Amino acid sequence: MGLFRKLGKEVEQFKRTATEAAAEDGAYRCEACEAEFAAEYDQCPECGAETVVPTTVEE
């Protein structure tokens, strides 16, 4: 069972890292829950709201 537990922990770490990286590079965000995404969605995959808008990059 140790192998599966280790693999499960590694998968969870990968998911956290991927989510954090996507949020850092988020080109779109949900106005309702403030989640950020790299791709445009018609509805927020986190909360289901239809308020996904492009983020503005301040230079």
C-alpha atoms as a PDB file:
ATOM      1  CA  MET A   1       0.000   0.000   0.000  1.00  0.00           C
ATOM      2  CA  GLY A   2       2.999   2.334   0.466  1.00  0.00           C
ATOM      3  CA  LEU A   3       3.517   2.664  -3.282  1.00  0.00           C
ATOM      4  CA  PHE A   4      -0.066   3.842  -3.871  1.00  0.00           C
ATOM      5  CA  ARG A   5       0.057   6.271  -0.954  1.00  0.00           C
ATOM      6  CA  LYS A   6       3.287   7.802  -2.300  1.00  0.00           C
ATOM      7  CA  LEU A   7       1.857   8.006  -5.810  1.00  0.00           C
ATOM      8  CA  GLY A   8      -1.310   9.657  -4.473  1.00  0.00           C
ATOM      9  CA  LYS A   9       0.735  12.303  -2.644  1.00  0.00           C
ATOM     10  CA  GLU A  10       2.757  13.009  -5.778  1.00  0.00           C
ATOM     11  CA  VAL A  11      -0.406  13.409  -7.858  1.00  0.00           C
ATOM     12  CA  GLU A  12      -1.896  15.823  -5.309  1.00  0.00           C
ATOM     13  CA  GLN A  13       1.324  17.870  -5.300  1.00  0.00           C
ATOM     14  CA  PHE A  14       1.275  17.997  -9.099  1.00  0.00           C
ATOM     15  CA  LYS A  15      -2.344  19.183  -9.097  1.00  0.00           C
ATOM     16  CA  ARG A  16      -1.529  21.953  -6.599  1.00  0.00           C
ATOM     17  CA  THR A  17       1.488  23.067  -8.624  1.00  0.00           C
ATOM     18  CA  ALA A  18      -0.482  23.056 -11.877  1.00  0.00           C
ATOM     19  CA  THR A  19      -3.336  25.045 -10.308  1.00  0.00           C
ATOM     20  CA  GLU A  20      -0.922  27.621  -8.878  1.00  0.00           C
ATOM     21  CA  ALA A  21       0.885  27.979 -12.214  1.00  0.00           C
ATOM     22  CA  ALA A  22      -2.406  28.459 -14.060  1.00  0.00           C
ATOM     23  CA  ALA A  23      -3.458  31.140 -11.582  1.00  0.00           C
ATOM     24  CA  GLU A  24      -0.160  32.993 -12.019  1.00  0.00           C
ATOM     25  CA  ASP A  25      -0.558  33.056 -15.796  1.00  0.00           C
ATOM     26  CA  GLY A  26      -4.309  33.605 -15.721  1.00  0.00           C
ATOM     27  CA  ALA A  27      -5.484  35.551 -18.720  1.00  0.00           C
ATOM     28  CA  TYR A  28      -9.116  35.262 -17.613  1.00  0.00           C
ATOM     29  CA  ARG A  29     -10.835  35.441 -14.253  1.00  0.00           C
ATOM     30  CA  CYS A  30     -14.256  34.865 -12.777  1.00  0.00           C
ATOM     31  CA  GLU A  31     -15.782  38.024 -11.352  1.00  0.00           C
ATOM     32  CA  ALA A  32     -17.934  35.974  -8.965  1.00  0.00           C
ATOM     33  CA  CYS A  33     -15.308  33.802  -7.226  1.00  0.00           C
ATOM     34  CA  GLU A  34     -12.062  35.463  -8.431  1.00  0.00           C
ATOM     35  CA  ALA A  35     -10.658  32.185  -9.828  1.00  0.00           C
ATOM     36  CA  GLU A  36      -8.120  32.699 -12.631  1.00  0.00           C
ATOM     37  CA  PHE A  37      -7.684  30.623 -15.793  1.00  0.00           C
ATOM     38  CA  ALA A  38      -5.288  30.409 -18.721  1.00  0.00           C
ATOM     39  CA  ALA A  39      -8.134  29.679 -21.160  1.00  0.00           C
ATOM     40  CA  GLU A  40     -11.450  31.410 -21.804  1.00  0.00           C
ATOM     41  CA  TYR A  41     -14.606  29.658 -20.591  1.00  0.00           C
ATOM     42  CA  ASP A  42     -18.284  30.456 -21.122  1.00  0.00           C
ATOM     43  CA  GLN A  43     -18.904  29.527 -17.479  1.00  0.00           C
ATOM     44  CA  CYS A  44     -16.525  29.410 -14.529  1.00  0.00           C
ATOM     45  CA  PRO A  45     -15.385  25.804 -13.956  1.00  0.00           C
ATOM     46  CA  GLU A  46     -15.072  26.562 -10.222  1.00  0.00           C
ATOM     47  CA  CYS A  47     -18.446  28.127  -9.373  1.00  0.00           C
ATOM     48  CA  GLY A  48     -20.503  27.940 -12.595  1.00  0.00           C
ATOM     49  CA  ALA A  49     -21.006  31.698 -12.929  1.00  0.00           C
ATOM     50  CA  GLU A  50     -21.164  33.223 -16.407  1.00  0.00           C
ATOM     51  CA  THR A  51     -18.929  36.140 -15.456  1.00  0.00           C
ATOM     52  CA  VAL A  52     -15.553  35.040 -16.872  1.00  0.00           C
ATOM     53  CA  VAL A  53     -13.710  38.110 -18.177  1.00  0.00           C
ATOM     54  CA  PRO A  54     -10.202  38.826 -19.475  1.00  0.00           C
ATOM     55  CA  THR A  55      -7.741  40.059 -16.880  1.00  0.00           C
ATOM     56  CA  THR A  56      -6.041  43.353 -17.564  1.00  0.00           C
ATOM     57  CA  VAL A  57      -2.260  43.434 -17.576  1.00  0.00           C
ATOM     58  CA  GLU A  58      -0.905  46.651 -16.119  1.00  0.00           C
ATOM     59  CA  GLU A  59       2.418  47.738 -17.575  1.00  0.00           C
END
